Amino acid sequence: MNEQRPLEPWQWPEEHWRKLVNQVRAGRALRPKAWKDRKRCAFALSFDADHETNELREGGKSIGRMAWGQYGNRVGVPRILKLLKKYDVPGTFYVPAVAALLHPDEQRQVIAEGHEIGIHSWIHELNSVLPYEAEKDLMQRAADVLEKITGVRPVGARTASWDFSPHTLRITKEMGLLYDSSLMADEDCYELLLEGEPTGVVELPVEWVRDDAVYFMMHRFQSLRPQMPPEAVFDIFRREFDAAYVDGGICQITTHPHIIGYRSRIWIIEELIRHAKSKGDVWFATHAQVAAYAKDHAE
């Protein structure tokens, strides 16, 4: 008996591809007429503090790469916190639970200095391939770990893969989270739809063009060596900010302590902050603050 071969995408019936597309969609735009205190633009810095979990996530055992992760805790985060304190700017740190358990004092300091910590997986696992029960268990346990260490329950999440499984948004809603910051359907905040229905969950979108890893992340065993000059990356980030400022929108930036935290790169963040502050009417805020304000004040 011949086994029936799966259909190729070009053979899919319309009902099938529409169902795939409509699992999670961007709903109504959540763009305020003006930001808090009538500021023209919102500026939200985020730091994915993955540390050793970048190596552990797929069963890796490289001591060298775990040392690189430790650099994020030992040098990167302290350097970032010092910079944020210098300019009195808040940041959002997305932390895998395993990284938080390895470095609990870091998480306490982040919270003590007025910053936000968000859910960022258990061990930086690829959530988009997990069954519902496993994904929900890991997200809930991650939230519990962050709350136990810091005393603050996270209100937002960023998936480690910047992707969703068919269950991620359902779990996010079931957990009562205010927002997600993993998807790319817009440049401003929007409400997420689950199979066409509004969820009340705010999406604060990310983009690879505003992420330091695509320009600097190196893996010598995978021929991955994108080493761009810091000036070039700053120019891209600055152009993103300038356009957001003109539009009256959000400039959201994603960086990683073990990547941006080097002497030759941390100035990118400092110059961005200095440039934004020179405008005089920019609201520096955590991702949670931006999401909540957008939700409450959307036109």
C-alpha atoms as a PDB file:
ATOM      1  CA  MET A   1       0.000   0.000   0.000  1.00  0.00           C
ATOM      2  CA  ASN A   2       1.362   3.394  -0.986  1.00  0.00           C
ATOM      3  CA  GLU A   3       1.756   5.894   1.836  1.00  0.00           C
ATOM      4  CA  GLN A   4       0.162   9.256   1.186  1.00  0.00           C
ATOM      5  CA  ARG A   5       2.860  11.880   0.857  1.00  0.00           C
ATOM      6  CA  PRO A   6       2.322  15.238   2.586  1.00  0.00           C
ATOM      7  CA  LEU A   7       1.257  18.065   0.328  1.00  0.00           C
ATOM      8  CA  GLU A   8       3.794  20.624  -0.816  1.00  0.00           C
ATOM      9  CA  PRO A   9       3.022  24.234   0.216  1.00  0.00           C
ATOM     10  CA  TRP A  10       2.020  25.079  -3.341  1.00  0.00           C
ATOM     11  CA  GLN A  11      -0.567  22.282  -3.136  1.00  0.00           C
ATOM     12  CA  TRP A  12      -2.145  23.470   0.136  1.00  0.00           C
ATOM     13  CA  PRO A  13      -5.832  24.350   0.006  1.00  0.00           C
ATOM     14  CA  GLU A  14      -6.680  27.934   0.905  1.00  0.00           C
ATOM     15  CA  GLU A  15      -8.275  26.901   4.206  1.00  0.00           C
ATOM     16  CA  HIS A  16      -4.960  25.408   5.341  1.00  0.00           C
ATOM     17  CA  TRP A  17      -2.647  28.334   4.618  1.00  0.00           C
ATOM     18  CA  ARG A  18      -5.166  30.851   5.945  1.00  0.00           C
ATOM     19  CA  LYS A  19      -5.348  28.929   9.214  1.00  0.00           C
ATOM     20  CA  LEU A  20      -1.562  29.001   9.537  1.00  0.00           C
ATOM     21  CA  VAL A  21      -1.384  32.731   8.865  1.00  0.00           C
ATOM     22  CA  ASN A  22      -4.228  33.596  11.232  1.00  0.00           C
ATOM     23  CA  GLN A  23      -2.911  31.774  14.309  1.00  0.00           C
ATOM     24  CA  VAL A  24      -1.376  34.989  15.672  1.00  0.00           C
ATOM     25  CA  ARG A  25      -1.852  38.342  13.962  1.00  0.00           C
ATOM     26  CA  ALA A  26      -1.432  42.011  14.657  1.00  0.00           C
ATOM     27  CA  GLY A  27      -4.685  43.606  15.749  1.00  0.00           C
ATOM     28  CA  ARG A  28      -5.471  47.225  16.512  1.00  0.00           C
ATOM     29  CA  ALA A  29      -2.615  49.682  16.644  1.00  0.00           C
ATOM     30  CA  LEU A  30      -1.781  50.948  20.125  1.00  0.00           C
ATOM     31  CA  ARG A  31      -0.200  54.292  19.336  1.00  0.00           C
ATOM     32  CA  PRO A  32      -0.773  57.222  21.690  1.00  0.00           C
ATOM     33  CA  LYS A  33      -1.181  60.732  20.334  1.00  0.00           C
ATOM     34  CA  ALA A  34       1.641  61.716  22.663  1.00  0.00           C
ATOM     35  CA  TRP A  35       3.772  59.808  25.136  1.00  0.00           C
ATOM     36  CA  LYS A  36       3.981  60.322  28.883  1.00  0.00           C
ATOM     37  CA  ASP A  37       4.337  63.979  29.922  1.00  0.00           C
ATOM     38  CA  ARG A  38       3.601  64.850  26.288  1.00  0.00           C
ATOM     39  CA  LYS A  39       6.941  63.535  25.089  1.00  0.00           C
ATOM     40  CA  ARG A  40       7.232  63.110  21.333  1.00  0.00           C
ATOM     41  CA  CYS A  41       8.973  59.725  21.271  1.00  0.00           C
ATOM     42  CA  ALA A  42       9.419  56.682  23.524  1.00  0.00           C
ATOM     43  CA  PHE A  43      12.848  55.095  23.838  1.00  0.00           C
ATOM     44  CA  ALA A  44      13.025  51.531  25.226  1.00  0.00           C
ATOM     45  CA  LEU A  45      16.376  49.815  25.728  1.00  0.00           C
ATOM     46  CA  SER A  46      16.467  46.069  26.336  1.00  0.00           C
ATOM     47  CA  PHE A  47      19.238  43.676  27.267  1.00  0.00           C
ATOM     48  CA  ASP A  48      18.885  39.927  26.750  1.00  0.00           C
ATOM     49  CA  ALA A  49      21.039  38.591  29.593  1.00  0.00           C
ATOM     50  CA  ASP A  50      21.406  35.061  28.236  1.00  0.00           C
ATOM     51  CA  HIS A  51      24.840  34.408  29.771  1.00  0.00           C
ATOM     52  CA  GLU A  52      25.737  30.688  29.857  1.00  0.00           C
ATOM     53  CA  THR A  53      22.370  29.538  28.479  1.00  0.00           C
ATOM     54  CA  ASN A  54      23.419  30.348  24.914  1.00  0.00           C
ATOM     55  CA  GLU A  55      25.665  27.302  25.132  1.00  0.00           C
ATOM     56  CA  LEU A  56      23.474  25.155  27.384  1.00  0.00           C
ATOM     57  CA  ARG A  57      20.273  25.508  25.352  1.00  0.00           C
ATOM     58  CA  GLU A  58      21.088  22.706  22.901  1.00  0.00           C
ATOM     59  CA  GLY A  59      23.171  20.529  25.181  1.00  0.00           C
ATOM     60  CA  GLY A  60      26.436  22.352  24.528  1.00  0.00           C
ATOM     61  CA  LYS A  61      29.385  21.708  26.824  1.00  0.00           C
ATOM     62  CA  SER A  62      31.958  24.199  25.529  1.00  0.00           C
ATOM     63  CA  ILE A  63      33.790  25.695  28.496  1.00  0.00           C
ATOM     64  CA  GLY A  64      35.001  28.515  26.259  1.00  0.00           C
ATOM     65  CA  ARG A  65      31.514  29.566  25.232  1.00  0.00           C
ATOM     66  CA  MET A  66      30.260  29.321  28.811  1.00  0.00           C
ATOM     67  CA  ALA A  67      33.121  31.606  29.832  1.00  0.00           C
ATOM     68  CA  TRP A  68      31.858  34.053  27.191  1.00  0.00           C
ATOM     69  CA  GLY A  69      28.469  33.842  28.867  1.00  0.00           C
ATOM     70  CA  GLN A  70      30.039  34.529  32.242  1.00  0.00           C
ATOM     71  CA  TYR A  71      31.592  37.670  30.758  1.00  0.00           C
ATOM     72  CA  GLY A  72      28.035  38.939  30.312  1.00  0.00           C
ATOM     73  CA  ASN A  73      27.507  38.693  34.074  1.00  0.00           C
ATOM     74  CA  ARG A  74      31.014  39.576  35.208  1.00  0.00           C
ATOM     75  CA  VAL A  75      31.656  42.569  32.934  1.00  0.00           C
ATOM     76  CA  GLY A  76      28.748  43.268  30.581  1.00  0.00           C
ATOM     77  CA  VAL A  77      25.864  43.785  32.992  1.00  0.00           C
ATOM     78  CA  PRO A  78      27.894  45.838  35.520  1.00  0.00           C
ATOM     79  CA  ARG A  79      29.108  48.060  32.679  1.00  0.00           C
ATOM     80  CA  ILE A  80      25.551  48.488  31.366  1.00  0.00           C
ATOM     81  CA  LEU A  81      24.122  49.244  34.818  1.00  0.00           C
ATOM     82  CA  LYS A  82      26.845  51.832  35.422  1.00  0.00           C
ATOM     83  CA  LEU A  83      25.974  53.511  32.123  1.00  0.00           C
ATOM     84  CA  LEU A  84      22.222  53.520  32.768  1.00  0.00           C
ATOM     85  CA  LYS A  85      22.807  54.969  36.218  1.00  0.00           C
ATOM     86  CA  LYS A  86      25.069  57.694  34.785  1.00  0.00           C
ATOM     87  CA  TYR A  87      22.283  58.949  32.517  1.00  0.00           C
ATOM     88  CA  ASP A  88      19.354  58.028  34.799  1.00  0.00           C
ATOM     89  CA  VAL A  89      17.803  55.820  32.121  1.00  0.00           C
ATOM     90  CA  PRO A  90      15.765  52.646  32.816  1.00  0.00           C
ATOM     91  CA  GLY A  91      16.269  49.398  30.954  1.00  0.00           C
ATOM     92  CA  THR A  92      14.528  46.058  30.554  1.00  0.00           C
ATOM     93  CA  PHE A  93      16.529  42.875  31.088  1.00  0.00           C
ATOM     94  CA  TYR A  94      15.182  39.595  29.688  1.00  0.00           C
ATOM     95  CA  VAL A  95      16.665  36.745  31.684  1.00  0.00           C
ATOM     96  CA  PRO A  96      16.396  32.956  31.246  1.00  0.00           C
ATOM     97  CA  ALA A  97      15.565  31.301  34.565  1.00  0.00           C
ATOM     98  CA  VAL A  98      18.786  29.267  34.514  1.00  0.00           C
ATOM     99  CA  ALA A  99      20.829  32.464  34.078  1.00  0.00           C
ATOM    100  CA  ALA A 100      18.930  34.004  36.980  1.00  0.00           C
ATOM    101  CA  LEU A 101      19.664  30.967  39.175  1.00  0.00           C
ATOM    102  CA  LEU A 102      23.346  31.145  38.240  1.00  0.00           C
ATOM    103  CA  HIS A 103      23.532  34.879  38.966  1.00  0.00           C
ATOM    104  CA  PRO A 104      20.833  35.805  41.502  1.00  0.00           C
ATOM    105  CA  ASP A 105      22.699  38.835  42.855  1.00  0.00           C
ATOM    106  CA  GLU A 106      22.705  40.346  39.360  1.00  0.00           C
ATOM    107  CA  GLN A 107      18.924  40.117  39.170  1.00  0.00           C
ATOM    108  CA  ARG A 108      18.491  41.703  42.585  1.00  0.00           C
ATOM    109  CA  GLN A 109      20.745  44.577  41.599  1.00  0.00           C
ATOM    110  CA  VAL A 110      18.874  45.128  38.339  1.00  0.00           C
ATOM    111  CA  ILE A 111      15.574  45.439  40.206  1.00  0.00           C
ATOM    112  CA  ALA A 112      17.085  47.505  43.046  1.00  0.00           C
ATOM    113  CA  GLU A 113      18.328  50.062  40.520  1.00  0.00           C
ATOM    114  CA  GLY A 114      14.856  50.556  39.069  1.00  0.00           C
ATOM    115  CA  HIS A 115      14.988  48.412  35.959  1.00  0.00           C
ATOM    116  CA  GLU A 116      12.619  45.722  34.687  1.00  0.00           C
ATOM    117  CA  ILE A 117      13.210  41.977  34.375  1.00  0.00           C
ATOM    118  CA  GLY A 118      11.121  40.000  31.898  1.00  0.00           C
ATOM    119  CA  ILE A 119      10.619  36.295  31.213  1.00  0.00           C
ATOM    120  CA  HIS A 120      13.065  34.909  28.640  1.00  0.00           C
ATOM    121  CA  SER A 121      12.541  31.124  28.724  1.00  0.00           C
ATOM    122  CA  TRP A 122      13.902  28.526  31.137  1.00  0.00           C
ATOM    123  CA  ILE A 123      17.269  27.654  29.545  1.00  0.00           C
ATOM    124  CA  HIS A 124      16.980  29.657  26.304  1.00  0.00           C
ATOM    125  CA  GLU A 125      15.117  26.733  24.753  1.00  0.00           C
ATOM    126  CA  LEU A 126      13.481  26.891  21.340  1.00  0.00           C
ATOM    127  CA  ASN A 127       9.890  27.329  22.501  1.00  0.00           C
ATOM    128  CA  SER A 128       8.385  27.068  19.022  1.00  0.00           C
ATOM    129  CA  VAL A 129       8.913  23.277  18.901  1.00  0.00           C
ATOM    130  CA  LEU A 130       7.547  22.491  22.368  1.00  0.00           C
ATOM    131  CA  PRO A 131       4.168  20.903  23.123  1.00  0.00           C
ATOM    132  CA  TYR A 132       1.692  23.037  25.061  1.00  0.00           C
ATOM    133  CA  GLU A 133       2.213  21.363  28.449  1.00  0.00           C
ATOM    134  CA  ALA A 134       6.007  21.664  28.353  1.00  0.00           C
ATOM    135  CA  GLU A 135       6.019  25.254  27.119  1.00  0.00           C
ATOM    136  CA  LYS A 136       3.521  26.398  29.751  1.00  0.00           C
ATOM    137  CA  ASP A 137       5.360  24.599  32.540  1.00  0.00           C
ATOM    138  CA  LEU A 138       8.667  26.227  31.565  1.00  0.00           C
ATOM    139  CA  MET A 139       7.157  29.711  31.258  1.00  0.00           C
ATOM    140  CA  GLN A 140       5.410  29.447  34.619  1.00  0.00           C
ATOM    141  CA  ARG A 141       8.474  28.074  36.368  1.00  0.00           C
ATOM    142  CA  ALA A 142      10.619  30.791  34.814  1.00  0.00           C
ATOM    143  CA  ALA A 143       8.257  33.468  36.112  1.00  0.00           C
ATOM    144  CA  ASP A 144       8.264  31.842  39.556  1.00  0.00           C
ATOM    145  CA  VAL A 145      12.075  31.781  39.671  1.00  0.00           C
ATOM    146  CA  LEU A 146      12.382  35.450  38.703  1.00  0.00           C
ATOM    147  CA  GLU A 147       9.784  36.439  41.295  1.00  0.00           C
ATOM    148  CA  LYS A 148      11.413  34.352  44.035  1.00  0.00           C
ATOM    149  CA  ILE A 149      14.840  35.869  43.376  1.00  0.00           C
ATOM    150  CA  THR A 150      13.798  39.497  42.918  1.00  0.00           C
ATOM    151  CA  GLY A 151      10.508  39.785  44.773  1.00  0.00           C
ATOM    152  CA  VAL A 152       8.878  41.170  41.623  1.00  0.00           C
ATOM    153  CA  ARG A 153       6.541  39.183  39.352  1.00  0.00           C
ATOM    154  CA  PRO A 154       7.376  39.718  35.642  1.00  0.00           C
ATOM    155  CA  VAL A 155       4.612  41.272  33.526  1.00  0.00           C
ATOM    156  CA  GLY A 156       6.167  40.687  30.115  1.00  0.00           C
ATOM    157  CA  ALA A 157       7.996  38.046  28.124  1.00  0.00           C
ATOM    158  CA  ARG A 158      10.364  37.675  25.206  1.00  0.00           C
ATOM    159  CA  THR A 159      10.809  34.251  23.663  1.00  0.00           C
ATOM    160  CA  ALA A 160      14.387  33.052  23.337  1.00  0.00           C
ATOM    161  CA  SER A 161      13.846  32.307  19.663  1.00  0.00           C
ATOM    162  CA  TRP A 162      11.887  35.479  18.789  1.00  0.00           C
ATOM    163  CA  ASP A 163       9.156  33.152  17.600  1.00  0.00           C
ATOM    164  CA  PHE A 164       5.880  31.655  18.799  1.00  0.00           C
ATOM    165  CA  SER A 165       4.636  28.125  18.917  1.00  0.00           C
ATOM    166  CA  PRO A 166       0.918  27.669  18.177  1.00  0.00           C
ATOM    167  CA  HIS A 167       0.471  27.799  21.975  1.00  0.00           C
ATOM    168  CA  THR A 168       2.665  30.732  23.062  1.00  0.00           C
ATOM    169  CA  LEU A 169       0.073  33.486  22.883  1.00  0.00           C
ATOM    170  CA  ARG A 170      -2.542  31.314  24.607  1.00  0.00           C
ATOM    171  CA  ILE A 171      -0.077  30.667  27.446  1.00  0.00           C
ATOM    172  CA  THR A 172       0.863  34.343  27.628  1.00  0.00           C
ATOM    173  CA  LYS A 173      -2.809  35.247  28.020  1.00  0.00           C
ATOM    174  CA  GLU A 174      -3.462  32.475  30.541  1.00  0.00           C
ATOM    175  CA  MET A 175      -0.569  33.752  32.660  1.00  0.00           C
ATOM    176  CA  GLY A 176      -2.089  37.237  32.679  1.00  0.00           C
ATOM    177  CA  LEU A 177       0.971  38.913  31.174  1.00  0.00           C
ATOM    178  CA  LEU A 178       0.648  42.514  30.042  1.00  0.00           C
ATOM    179  CA  TYR A 179       2.847  42.247  26.990  1.00  0.00           C
ATOM    180  CA  ASP A 180       5.152  40.276  24.737  1.00  0.00           C
ATOM    181  CA  SER A 181       8.241  41.521  22.907  1.00  0.00           C
ATOM    182  CA  SER A 182       9.136  38.841  20.351  1.00  0.00           C
ATOM    183  CA  LEU A 183       7.309  39.572  17.079  1.00  0.00           C
ATOM    184  CA  MET A 184       7.774  41.924  14.150  1.00  0.00           C
ATOM    185  CA  ALA A 185       4.444  42.898  12.566  1.00  0.00           C
ATOM    186  CA  ASP A 186       4.884  46.642  13.190  1.00  0.00           C
ATOM    187  CA  GLU A 187       7.219  49.269  14.623  1.00  0.00           C
ATOM    188  CA  ASP A 188       4.710  50.557  17.185  1.00  0.00           C
ATOM    189  CA  CYS A 189       2.798  48.618  19.841  1.00  0.00           C
ATOM    190  CA  TYR A 190      -0.239  46.616  18.779  1.00  0.00           C
ATOM    191  CA  GLU A 191      -2.738  44.206  20.294  1.00  0.00           C
ATOM    192  CA  LEU A 192      -2.206  40.543  19.531  1.00  0.00           C
ATOM    193  CA  LEU A 193      -5.023  38.514  17.965  1.00  0.00           C
ATOM    194  CA  LEU A 194      -5.359  34.792  18.671  1.00  0.00           C
ATOM    195  CA  GLU A 195      -7.181  33.101  15.801  1.00  0.00           C
ATOM    196  CA  GLY A 196      -8.823  36.409  14.974  1.00  0.00           C
ATOM    197  CA  GLU A 197      -9.892  37.295  18.519  1.00  0.00           C
ATOM    198  CA  PRO A 198      -8.389  40.192  20.545  1.00  0.00           C
ATOM    199  CA  THR A 199      -6.369  38.976  23.532  1.00  0.00           C
ATOM    200  CA  GLY A 200      -5.621  42.193  25.401  1.00  0.00           C
ATOM    201  CA  VAL A 201      -1.914  41.281  25.202  1.00  0.00           C
ATOM    202  CA  VAL A 202       0.271  44.113  23.931  1.00  0.00           C
ATOM    203  CA  GLU A 203       3.064  43.410  21.472  1.00  0.00           C
ATOM    204  CA  LEU A 204       6.111  45.699  21.742  1.00  0.00           C
ATOM    205  CA  PRO A 205       7.799  44.615  18.516  1.00  0.00           C
ATOM    206  CA  VAL A 206      11.444  43.786  17.989  1.00  0.00           C
ATOM    207  CA  GLU A 207      13.426  43.675  14.745  1.00  0.00           C
ATOM    208  CA  TRP A 208      16.753  42.142  13.714  1.00  0.00           C
ATOM    209  CA  VAL A 209      17.900  45.492  12.343  1.00  0.00           C
ATOM    210  CA  ARG A 210      17.736  46.848  15.927  1.00  0.00           C
ATOM    211  CA  ASP A 211      19.581  43.893  17.502  1.00  0.00           C
ATOM    212  CA  ASP A 212      23.333  43.847  18.149  1.00  0.00           C
ATOM    213  CA  ALA A 213      23.729  40.067  17.670  1.00  0.00           C
ATOM    214  CA  VAL A 214      23.237  40.124  13.899  1.00  0.00           C
ATOM    215  CA  TYR A 215      26.148  42.527  13.529  1.00  0.00           C
ATOM    216  CA  PHE A 216      28.583  41.120  16.101  1.00  0.00           C
ATOM    217  CA  MET A 217      27.658  37.536  17.069  1.00  0.00           C
ATOM    218  CA  MET A 218      30.541  35.167  16.352  1.00  0.00           C
ATOM    219  CA  HIS A 219      30.687  31.377  16.370  1.00  0.00           C
ATOM    220  CA  ARG A 220      33.996  30.158  14.981  1.00  0.00           C
ATOM    221  CA  PHE A 221      32.828  26.555  14.615  1.00  0.00           C
ATOM    222  CA  GLN A 222      29.881  27.564  12.428  1.00  0.00           C
ATOM    223  CA  SER A 223      31.686  30.029  10.131  1.00  0.00           C
ATOM    224  CA  LEU A 224      29.622  32.778  11.740  1.00  0.00           C
ATOM    225  CA  ARG A 225      31.834  35.854  11.987  1.00  0.00           C
ATOM    226  CA  PRO A 226      29.909  39.073  11.328  1.00  0.00           C
ATOM    227  CA  GLN A 227      32.240  41.711  12.772  1.00  0.00           C
ATOM    228  CA  MET A 228      30.897  45.138  11.783  1.00  0.00           C
ATOM    229  CA  PRO A 229      32.566  48.375  12.889  1.00  0.00           C
ATOM    230  CA  PRO A 230      30.801  49.827  15.937  1.00  0.00           C
ATOM    231  CA  GLU A 231      30.356  53.104  14.051  1.00  0.00           C
ATOM    232  CA  ALA A 232      28.262  51.328  11.421  1.00  0.00           C
ATOM    233  CA  VAL A 233      25.978  49.716  14.000  1.00  0.00           C
ATOM    234  CA  PHE A 234      25.574  53.019  15.837  1.00  0.00           C
ATOM    235  CA  ASP A 235      24.602  54.667  12.551  1.00  0.00           C
ATOM    236  CA  ILE A 236      21.874  52.066  11.956  1.00  0.00           C
ATOM    237  CA  PHE A 237      20.512  52.393  15.501  1.00  0.00           C
ATOM    238  CA  ARG A 238      20.639  56.193  15.318  1.00  0.00           C
ATOM    239  CA  ARG A 239      18.733  56.219  12.046  1.00  0.00           C
ATOM    240  CA  GLU A 240      16.093  53.955  13.621  1.00  0.00           C
ATOM    241  CA  PHE A 241      15.779  56.368  16.530  1.00  0.00           C
ATOM    242  CA  ASP A 242      15.645  59.461  14.325  1.00  0.00           C
ATOM    243  CA  ALA A 243      12.855  57.981  12.213  1.00  0.00           C
ATOM    244  CA  ALA A 244      10.911  56.968  15.324  1.00  0.00           C
ATOM    245  CA  TYR A 245      11.318  60.486  16.678  1.00  0.00           C
ATOM    246  CA  VAL A 246      10.001  62.069  13.492  1.00  0.00           C
ATOM    247  CA  ASP A 247       7.043  59.659  13.503  1.00  0.00           C
ATOM    248  CA  GLY A 248       6.294  60.163  17.182  1.00  0.00           C
ATOM    249  CA  GLY A 249       6.644  56.437  17.785  1.00  0.00           C
ATOM    250  CA  ILE A 250       8.883  54.031  19.699  1.00  0.00           C
ATOM    251  CA  CYS A 251      12.552  53.317  19.303  1.00  0.00           C
ATOM    252  CA  GLN A 252      13.116  49.825  20.708  1.00  0.00           C
ATOM    253  CA  ILE A 253      16.675  48.452  20.843  1.00  0.00           C
ATOM    254  CA  THR A 254      17.798  44.922  21.758  1.00  0.00           C
ATOM    255  CA  THR A 255      21.361  44.172  22.886  1.00  0.00           C
ATOM    256  CA  HIS A 256      23.166  41.430  24.815  1.00  0.00           C
ATOM    257  CA  PRO A 257      25.581  42.025  27.714  1.00  0.00           C
ATOM    258  CA  HIS A 258      28.095  39.483  26.364  1.00  0.00           C
ATOM    259  CA  ILE A 259      28.068  41.233  22.970  1.00  0.00           C
ATOM    260  CA  ILE A 260      27.527  44.966  23.544  1.00  0.00           C
ATOM    261  CA  GLY A 261      29.462  45.024  26.832  1.00  0.00           C
ATOM    262  CA  TYR A 262      32.942  45.377  25.330  1.00  0.00           C
ATOM    263  CA  ARG A 263      34.974  48.576  25.610  1.00  0.00           C
ATOM    264  CA  SER A 264      34.749  49.235  21.888  1.00  0.00           C
ATOM    265  CA  ARG A 265      30.973  48.695  21.722  1.00  0.00           C
ATOM    266  CA  ILE A 266      29.367  50.016  24.903  1.00  0.00           C
ATOM    267  CA  TRP A 267      29.786  53.537  23.552  1.00  0.00           C
ATOM    268  CA  ILE A 268      27.073  52.690  20.991  1.00  0.00           C
ATOM    269  CA  ILE A 269      24.513  52.639  23.808  1.00  0.00           C
ATOM    270  CA  GLU A 270      26.007  55.713  25.462  1.00  0.00           C
ATOM    271  CA  GLU A 271      25.963  57.757  22.256  1.00  0.00           C
ATOM    272  CA  LEU A 272      22.401  56.648  21.532  1.00  0.00           C
ATOM    273  CA  ILE A 273      21.311  57.836  24.957  1.00  0.00           C
ATOM    274  CA  ARG A 274      23.181  61.134  24.555  1.00  0.00           C
ATOM    275  CA  HIS A 275      21.666  61.643  21.112  1.00  0.00           C
ATOM    276  CA  ALA A 276      18.136  60.910  22.355  1.00  0.00           C
ATOM    277  CA  LYS A 277      18.548  63.156  25.412  1.00  0.00           C
ATOM    278  CA  SER A 278      19.675  66.016  23.194  1.00  0.00           C
ATOM    279  CA  LYS A 279      16.167  66.118  21.700  1.00  0.00           C
ATOM    280  CA  GLY A 280      14.670  67.162  25.023  1.00  0.00           C
ATOM    281  CA  ASP A 281      11.280  65.497  24.553  1.00  0.00           C
ATOM    282  CA  VAL A 282      12.018  61.762  24.600  1.00  0.00           C
ATOM    283  CA  TRP A 283      10.485  59.456  27.204  1.00  0.00           C
ATOM    284  CA  PHE A 284      12.995  56.848  28.406  1.00  0.00           C
ATOM    285  CA  ALA A 285      11.007  53.892  29.726  1.00  0.00           C
ATOM    286  CA  THR A 286      11.020  50.178  30.395  1.00  0.00           C
ATOM    287  CA  HIS A 287       9.190  47.893  28.014  1.00  0.00           C
ATOM    288  CA  ALA A 288       6.477  47.351  30.629  1.00  0.00           C
ATOM    289  CA  GLN A 289       5.968  51.106  30.999  1.00  0.00           C
ATOM    290  CA  VAL A 290       5.750  51.594  27.231  1.00  0.00           C
ATOM    291  CA  ALA A 291       3.308  48.684  26.789  1.00  0.00           C
ATOM    292  CA  ALA A 292       1.053  49.860  29.625  1.00  0.00           C
ATOM    293  CA  TYR A 293       0.998  53.459  28.425  1.00  0.00           C
ATOM    294  CA  ALA A 294       0.315  52.450  24.830  1.00  0.00           C
ATOM    295  CA  LYS A 295      -2.542  50.190  25.910  1.00  0.00           C
ATOM    296  CA  ASP A 296      -4.142  52.866  28.101  1.00  0.00           C
ATOM    297  CA  HIS A 297      -3.667  55.858  25.800  1.00  0.00           C
ATOM    298  CA  ALA A 298      -3.992  54.510  22.253  1.00  0.00           C
ATOM    299  CA  GLU A 299      -5.934  56.736  19.874  1.00  0.00           C
END
